[in-house]
């Protein structure tokens, strides 16, 4: 097996900007930790462990229970949001294909299957009452 050689213009100097950004990020994190320890307030006693809520004293308990519908709505939103995000790269790559080619028909079939499963999931969630917020 022949040895792997780098292209003539590839060298470690091309990684210098990446290394500099990584070092700046590390220095920034360490500086923030050290400065917050040195300059930050030192609260002692019972106040230190209390909940902070926008500068106001908390009212009631922080252990409030949320209705499961809230989580169902959030997960459903994320599901359909991520599915929509997948449509953009597909549309860009599909627009570059010849519409009559077998590859374009395969691409179209795949996205139609994807959209059909999304519609079935949407109808299922609708029938289960996920979108009702009472």
N, C-alpha and C. Protein backbone atom coordinates (compact mmCIF):
# COMPACT_ATOMS: atom_id res chain seq x y z
N UNK A 1 0.85 -1.18 0.00
CA UNK A 1 0.00 0.00 0.00
C UNK A 1 0.89 1.24 0.00
N UNK A 2 0.69 2.14 -0.96
CA UNK A 2 1.56 3.32 -1.03
C UNK A 2 1.24 4.28 0.12
N UNK A 3 2.24 5.03 0.55
CA UNK A 3 2.01 5.99 1.64
C UNK A 3 1.09 7.12 1.17
N UNK A 4 0.29 7.60 2.09
CA UNK A 4 -0.62 8.70 1.79
C UNK A 4 0.15 10.01 1.85
N UNK A 5 0.03 10.79 0.80
CA UNK A 5 0.73 12.08 0.79
C UNK A 5 -0.29 13.21 0.76
N UNK A 6 0.06 14.31 1.37
CA UNK A 6 -0.79 15.49 1.40
C UNK A 6 -0.63 16.27 0.12
N UNK A 7 -1.66 16.98 -0.28
CA UNK A 7 -1.48 17.87 -1.45
C UNK A 7 -0.39 18.88 -1.16
N UNK A 8 0.25 19.41 -2.20
CA UNK A 8 1.38 20.32 -1.98
C UNK A 8 1.02 21.59 -1.22
N UNK A 9 -0.22 22.07 -1.32
CA UNK A 9 -0.58 23.31 -0.63
C UNK A 9 -1.12 23.08 0.78
N UNK A 10 -1.27 21.82 1.19
CA UNK A 10 -1.80 21.51 2.53
C UNK A 10 -0.65 21.50 3.54
N UNK A 11 -0.83 22.23 4.61
CA UNK A 11 0.16 22.24 5.68
C UNK A 11 -0.54 22.55 6.99
N UNK A 12 0.18 22.44 8.06
CA UNK A 12 -0.41 22.74 9.37
C UNK A 12 -0.72 24.22 9.52
N UNK A 13 -0.11 25.06 8.71
CA UNK A 13 -0.38 26.50 8.79
C UNK A 13 -1.82 26.81 8.40
N UNK A 14 -2.44 25.96 7.60
CA UNK A 14 -3.83 26.21 7.22
C UNK A 14 -4.78 25.98 8.40
N UNK A 15 -4.33 25.27 9.42
CA UNK A 15 -5.14 25.05 10.61
C UNK A 15 -4.92 26.11 11.68
N UNK A 16 -4.05 27.06 11.44
CA UNK A 16 -3.74 28.10 12.41
C UNK A 16 -4.97 28.93 12.81
N UNK A 17 -5.82 29.37 11.88
CA UNK A 17 -7.00 30.13 12.31
C UNK A 17 -7.94 29.32 13.21
N UNK A 18 -8.10 28.04 12.91
CA UNK A 18 -8.96 27.18 13.74
C UNK A 18 -8.35 27.04 15.13
N UNK A 19 -7.06 26.84 15.21
CA UNK A 19 -6.38 26.71 16.50
C UNK A 19 -6.48 28.01 17.29
N UNK A 20 -6.38 29.15 16.61
CA UNK A 20 -6.47 30.43 17.30
C UNK A 20 -7.88 30.64 17.87
N UNK A 21 -8.91 30.29 17.12
CA UNK A 21 -10.28 30.43 17.61
C UNK A 21 -10.52 29.50 18.79
N UNK A 22 -10.00 28.27 18.71
CA UNK A 22 -10.15 27.33 19.82
C UNK A 22 -9.45 27.86 21.07
N UNK A 23 -8.26 28.41 20.91
CA UNK A 23 -7.53 28.97 22.06
C UNK A 23 -8.27 30.17 22.64
N UNK A 24 -8.81 31.03 21.77
CA UNK A 24 -9.57 32.19 22.26
C UNK A 24 -10.80 31.73 23.04
N UNK A 25 -11.46 30.68 22.58
CA UNK A 25 -12.64 30.16 23.28
C UNK A 25 -12.25 29.61 24.64
N UNK A 26 -11.15 28.89 24.71
CA UNK A 26 -10.70 28.33 25.99
C UNK A 26 -10.31 29.44 26.95
N UNK A 27 -9.58 30.44 26.46
CA UNK A 27 -9.19 31.57 27.32
C UNK A 27 -10.43 32.33 27.79
N UNK A 28 -11.41 32.51 26.91
CA UNK A 28 -12.65 33.21 27.28
C UNK A 28 -13.39 32.47 28.39
N UNK A 29 -13.49 31.16 28.28
CA UNK A 29 -14.19 30.37 29.30
C UNK A 29 -13.45 30.45 30.63
N UNK A 30 -12.16 30.27 30.60
CA UNK A 30 -11.37 30.31 31.85
C UNK A 30 -11.43 31.71 32.47
N UNK A 31 -11.33 32.76 31.65
CA UNK A 31 -11.40 34.13 32.17
C UNK A 31 -12.76 34.40 32.81
N UNK A 32 -13.84 33.94 32.21
CA UNK A 32 -15.16 34.16 32.80
C UNK A 32 -15.32 33.44 34.12
N UNK A 33 -14.81 32.23 34.21
CA UNK A 33 -14.91 31.48 35.47
C UNK A 33 -14.10 32.16 36.56
N UNK A 34 -12.87 32.55 36.22
CA UNK A 34 -12.01 33.19 37.23
C UNK A 34 -12.58 34.54 37.65
N UNK A 35 -13.00 35.37 36.68
CA UNK A 35 -13.53 36.68 37.01
C UNK A 35 -14.83 36.61 37.81
N UNK A 36 -15.69 35.66 37.51
CA UNK A 36 -16.92 35.55 38.29
C UNK A 36 -16.64 35.06 39.69
N UNK A 37 -15.60 34.25 39.87
CA UNK A 37 -15.23 33.81 41.21
C UNK A 37 -14.61 34.96 42.01
N UNK A 38 -13.78 35.76 41.35
CA UNK A 38 -13.08 36.84 42.05
C UNK A 38 -14.00 38.04 42.28
N UNK A 39 -14.74 38.45 41.25
CA UNK A 39 -15.52 39.68 41.34
C UNK A 39 -16.98 39.45 41.73
N UNK A 40 -17.46 38.24 41.66
CA UNK A 40 -18.87 37.97 41.90
C UNK A 40 -19.26 38.13 43.37
N UNK A 41 -20.55 38.35 43.61
CA UNK A 41 -21.02 38.48 44.99
C UNK A 41 -20.92 37.15 45.72
N UNK A 42 -20.72 37.27 47.01
CA UNK A 42 -20.62 36.07 47.84
C UNK A 42 -21.82 36.06 48.79
N UNK A 43 -22.90 35.49 48.34
CA UNK A 43 -24.11 35.41 49.18
C UNK A 43 -23.97 34.23 50.14
N UNK A 44 -24.21 34.49 51.37
CA UNK A 44 -24.14 33.45 52.39
C UNK A 44 -25.51 33.29 53.02
N UNK A 45 -25.77 32.13 53.54
CA UNK A 45 -27.00 31.92 54.27
C UNK A 45 -28.13 31.37 53.43
N UNK A 46 -29.36 31.63 53.89
CA UNK A 46 -30.55 31.04 53.26
C UNK A 46 -30.86 31.65 51.90
N UNK A 47 -30.43 32.88 51.67
CA UNK A 47 -30.76 33.54 50.40
C UNK A 47 -30.04 32.89 49.23
N UNK A 48 -28.88 32.34 49.47
CA UNK A 48 -28.08 31.78 48.39
C UNK A 48 -28.80 30.62 47.69
N UNK A 49 -29.55 29.84 48.42
CA UNK A 49 -30.20 28.67 47.83
C UNK A 49 -31.59 28.92 47.29
N UNK A 50 -32.09 30.15 47.36
CA UNK A 50 -33.45 30.41 46.89
C UNK A 50 -33.48 30.59 45.38
N UNK A 51 -34.68 30.48 44.83
CA UNK A 51 -34.88 30.63 43.40
C UNK A 51 -34.82 32.10 43.04
N UNK A 52 -34.11 32.41 41.96
CA UNK A 52 -34.03 33.78 41.47
C UNK A 52 -34.97 33.91 40.29
N UNK A 53 -35.87 34.88 40.36
CA UNK A 53 -36.85 35.04 39.30
C UNK A 53 -36.95 36.50 38.90
N UNK A 54 -36.11 36.93 37.98
CA UNK A 54 -36.15 38.27 37.41
C UNK A 54 -36.08 39.37 38.46
N UNK A 55 -35.30 39.18 39.49
CA UNK A 55 -35.13 40.21 40.50
C UNK A 55 -36.24 40.29 41.52
N UNK A 56 -37.22 39.44 41.40
CA UNK A 56 -38.36 39.45 42.32
C UNK A 56 -38.23 38.28 43.29
N UNK A 57 -38.82 38.46 44.47
CA UNK A 57 -38.89 37.35 45.40
C UNK A 57 -39.86 36.32 44.84
N UNK A 58 -39.48 35.04 44.86
CA UNK A 58 -40.37 34.03 44.31
C UNK A 58 -41.66 33.91 45.13
N UNK A 59 -42.76 33.71 44.43
CA UNK A 59 -44.05 33.56 45.09
C UNK A 59 -44.48 32.10 44.92
N UNK A 60 -44.73 31.44 45.99
CA UNK A 60 -45.17 30.05 45.93
C UNK A 60 -44.01 29.09 45.75
N UNK A 61 -44.36 27.88 45.46
CA UNK A 61 -43.34 26.84 45.31
C UNK A 61 -42.81 26.79 43.87
N UNK A 62 -41.60 26.32 43.75
CA UNK A 62 -41.01 26.16 42.42
C UNK A 62 -41.29 24.78 41.87
N UNK A 63 -42.00 23.97 42.59
CA UNK A 63 -42.30 22.61 42.18
C UNK A 63 -43.68 22.51 41.53
N UNK A 64 -44.03 23.51 40.75
CA UNK A 64 -45.33 23.53 40.09
C UNK A 64 -45.37 22.45 39.01
N UNK A 65 -46.46 21.71 38.98
CA UNK A 65 -46.62 20.65 37.99
C UNK A 65 -47.24 21.22 36.73
N UNK A 66 -46.72 20.81 35.60
CA UNK A 66 -47.26 21.22 34.32
C UNK A 66 -48.15 20.12 33.77
N UNK A 67 -49.15 20.53 33.05
CA UNK A 67 -50.02 19.58 32.39
C UNK A 67 -49.25 18.87 31.29
N UNK A 68 -49.53 17.59 31.11
CA UNK A 68 -48.80 16.81 30.11
C UNK A 68 -49.09 17.31 28.70
N UNK A 69 -50.21 18.01 28.50
CA UNK A 69 -50.52 18.56 27.18
C UNK A 69 -49.48 19.58 26.73
N UNK A 70 -48.91 20.28 27.69
CA UNK A 70 -47.85 21.24 27.35
C UNK A 70 -46.68 20.52 26.67
N UNK A 71 -46.26 19.40 27.25
CA UNK A 71 -45.14 18.66 26.70
C UNK A 71 -45.51 18.01 25.36
N UNK A 72 -46.74 17.53 25.26
CA UNK A 72 -47.19 16.95 23.99
C UNK A 72 -47.15 17.99 22.88
N UNK A 73 -47.62 19.20 23.19
CA UNK A 73 -47.62 20.27 22.20
C UNK A 73 -46.19 20.64 21.82
N UNK A 74 -45.30 20.71 22.80
CA UNK A 74 -43.91 21.08 22.53
C UNK A 74 -43.21 20.03 21.67
N UNK A 75 -43.39 18.77 22.00
CA UNK A 75 -42.74 17.71 21.23
C UNK A 75 -43.32 17.65 19.81
N UNK A 76 -44.64 17.83 19.69
CA UNK A 76 -45.26 17.82 18.37
C UNK A 76 -44.75 18.98 17.53
N UNK A 77 -44.63 20.15 18.14
CA UNK A 77 -44.08 21.30 17.42
C UNK A 77 -42.67 21.01 16.93
N UNK A 78 -41.84 20.46 17.80
CA UNK A 78 -40.47 20.15 17.40
C UNK A 78 -40.43 19.12 16.28
N UNK A 79 -41.29 18.12 16.37
CA UNK A 79 -41.33 17.09 15.35
C UNK A 79 -41.63 17.68 13.98
N UNK A 80 -42.70 18.46 13.89
CA UNK A 80 -43.08 19.00 12.59
C UNK A 80 -42.12 20.12 12.16
N UNK A 81 -41.53 20.82 13.09
CA UNK A 81 -40.55 21.85 12.75
C UNK A 81 -39.32 21.22 12.11
N UNK A 82 -38.83 20.14 12.69
CA UNK A 82 -37.66 19.47 12.14
C UNK A 82 -37.98 18.85 10.78
N UNK A 83 -39.20 18.34 10.63
CA UNK A 83 -39.57 17.79 9.33
C UNK A 83 -39.57 18.86 8.25
N UNK A 84 -40.03 20.04 8.57
CA UNK A 84 -40.04 21.13 7.59
C UNK A 84 -38.62 21.54 7.24
N UNK A 85 -37.72 21.49 8.21
CA UNK A 85 -36.33 21.85 7.95
C UNK A 85 -35.71 20.90 6.92
N UNK A 86 -36.14 19.63 6.92
CA UNK A 86 -35.60 18.67 5.96
C UNK A 86 -36.09 18.92 4.54
N UNK A 87 -37.14 19.69 4.38
CA UNK A 87 -37.66 19.93 3.04
C UNK A 87 -36.77 20.89 2.24
N UNK A 88 -36.11 21.82 2.89
CA UNK A 88 -35.31 22.81 2.17
C UNK A 88 -34.13 22.18 1.42
N UNK A 89 -33.28 21.37 2.08
CA UNK A 89 -32.18 20.78 1.32
C UNK A 89 -32.67 19.84 0.21
N UNK A 90 -33.80 19.17 0.47
CA UNK A 90 -34.34 18.32 -0.58
C UNK A 90 -34.75 19.16 -1.78
N UNK A 91 -35.42 20.28 -1.54
CA UNK A 91 -35.88 21.13 -2.63
C UNK A 91 -34.70 21.68 -3.43
N UNK A 92 -33.64 22.05 -2.75
CA UNK A 92 -32.46 22.58 -3.44
C UNK A 92 -31.82 21.50 -4.31
N UNK A 93 -31.66 20.30 -3.77
CA UNK A 93 -31.04 19.23 -4.56
C UNK A 93 -31.97 18.75 -5.67
N UNK A 94 -33.28 18.76 -5.44
CA UNK A 94 -34.23 18.32 -6.46
C UNK A 94 -34.28 19.31 -7.62
N UNK A 95 -34.13 20.59 -7.33
CA UNK A 95 -34.19 21.59 -8.40
C UNK A 95 -33.01 21.47 -9.37
N UNK A 96 -31.95 20.81 -8.97
CA UNK A 96 -30.78 20.66 -9.83
C UNK A 96 -30.84 19.39 -10.69
N UNK A 97 -31.88 18.58 -10.51
CA UNK A 97 -32.00 17.34 -11.28
C UNK A 97 -32.83 17.57 -12.54
N UNK A 98 -32.64 16.70 -13.51
CA UNK A 98 -33.46 16.71 -14.71
C UNK A 98 -34.81 16.09 -14.35
N UNK A 99 -35.93 16.80 -14.58
CA UNK A 99 -37.23 16.31 -14.14
C UNK A 99 -37.62 14.95 -14.72
N UNK A 100 -37.14 14.58 -15.88
CA UNK A 100 -37.52 13.32 -16.49
C UNK A 100 -36.63 12.15 -16.13
N UNK A 101 -35.57 12.38 -15.40
CA UNK A 101 -34.63 11.31 -15.10
C UNK A 101 -35.18 10.36 -14.03
N UNK A 102 -34.73 9.11 -14.03
CA UNK A 102 -35.18 8.17 -13.00
C UNK A 102 -34.74 8.59 -11.60
N UNK A 103 -33.61 9.26 -11.51
CA UNK A 103 -33.13 9.73 -10.22
C UNK A 103 -34.08 10.77 -9.63
N UNK A 104 -34.61 11.66 -10.49
CA UNK A 104 -35.56 12.68 -10.03
C UNK A 104 -36.85 12.03 -9.57
N UNK A 105 -37.29 10.98 -10.27
CA UNK A 105 -38.51 10.28 -9.85
C UNK A 105 -38.30 9.58 -8.51
N UNK A 106 -37.10 9.04 -8.30
CA UNK A 106 -36.79 8.41 -7.02
C UNK A 106 -36.79 9.45 -5.90
N UNK A 107 -36.17 10.60 -6.15
CA UNK A 107 -36.17 11.70 -5.16
C UNK A 107 -37.59 12.12 -4.83
N UNK A 108 -38.42 12.27 -5.87
CA UNK A 108 -39.80 12.69 -5.66
C UNK A 108 -40.58 11.65 -4.87
N UNK A 109 -40.36 10.38 -5.18
CA UNK A 109 -41.03 9.31 -4.44
C UNK A 109 -40.64 9.31 -2.97
N UNK A 110 -39.37 9.54 -2.70
CA UNK A 110 -38.91 9.56 -1.31
C UNK A 110 -39.54 10.72 -0.53
N UNK A 111 -39.60 11.89 -1.13
CA UNK A 111 -40.16 13.03 -0.41
C UNK A 111 -41.67 12.89 -0.26
N UNK A 112 -42.34 12.30 -1.25
CA UNK A 112 -43.77 12.07 -1.11
C UNK A 112 -44.06 11.07 0.01
N UNK A 113 -43.22 10.04 0.13
CA UNK A 113 -43.36 9.10 1.25
C UNK A 113 -43.13 9.82 2.58
N UNK A 114 -42.12 10.65 2.62
CA UNK A 114 -41.82 11.42 3.83
C UNK A 114 -43.00 12.33 4.20
N UNK A 115 -43.54 13.03 3.22
CA UNK A 115 -44.68 13.91 3.48
C UNK A 115 -45.93 13.13 3.86
N UNK A 116 -46.13 11.96 3.26
CA UNK A 116 -47.28 11.14 3.60
C UNK A 116 -47.22 10.66 5.04
N UNK A 117 -46.04 10.24 5.49
CA UNK A 117 -45.91 9.83 6.89
C UNK A 117 -46.09 11.02 7.82
N UNK A 118 -45.67 12.19 7.39
CA UNK A 118 -45.87 13.39 8.21
C UNK A 118 -47.35 13.72 8.31
N UNK A 119 -48.08 13.60 7.22
CA UNK A 119 -49.52 13.89 7.24
C UNK A 119 -50.24 12.87 8.12
N UNK A 120 -49.86 11.61 8.02
CA UNK A 120 -50.48 10.58 8.87
C UNK A 120 -50.20 10.88 10.34
N UNK A 121 -48.98 11.29 10.66
CA UNK A 121 -48.65 11.64 12.05
C UNK A 121 -49.45 12.86 12.50
N UNK A 122 -49.63 13.82 11.63
CA UNK A 122 -50.40 15.02 11.96
C UNK A 122 -51.86 14.66 12.22
N UNK A 123 -52.45 13.84 11.38
CA UNK A 123 -53.84 13.43 11.56
C UNK A 123 -53.99 12.62 12.84
N UNK A 124 -53.04 11.75 13.11
CA UNK A 124 -53.08 10.97 14.36
C UNK A 124 -53.03 11.89 15.58
N UNK A 125 -52.14 12.86 15.56
CA UNK A 125 -52.04 13.79 16.68
C UNK A 125 -53.31 14.61 16.81
N UNK A 126 -53.91 14.99 15.70
CA UNK A 126 -55.15 15.76 15.72
C UNK A 126 -56.29 14.94 16.32
N UNK A 127 -56.39 13.68 15.92
CA UNK A 127 -57.44 12.80 16.45
C UNK A 127 -57.25 12.54 17.94
N UNK A 128 -56.02 12.48 18.39
CA UNK A 128 -55.74 12.26 19.81
C UNK A 128 -55.95 13.51 20.66
N UNK A 129 -56.17 14.65 20.02
CA UNK A 129 -56.44 15.89 20.75
C UNK A 129 -55.19 16.61 21.23
N UNK A 130 -54.08 16.34 20.58
CA UNK A 130 -52.83 16.99 21.00
C UNK A 130 -52.89 18.50 20.80
N UNK A 131 -53.61 18.95 19.77
CA UNK A 131 -53.63 20.37 19.44
C UNK A 131 -54.69 21.15 20.20
N UNK A 132 -55.48 20.50 21.01
CA UNK A 132 -56.49 21.19 21.82
C UNK A 132 -55.82 21.71 23.08
N UNK A 133 -55.97 22.98 23.32
CA UNK A 133 -55.36 23.61 24.48
C UNK A 133 -56.47 24.23 25.33
N UNK A 134 -56.97 23.44 26.26
CA UNK A 134 -58.08 23.91 27.10
C UNK A 134 -57.58 24.45 28.42
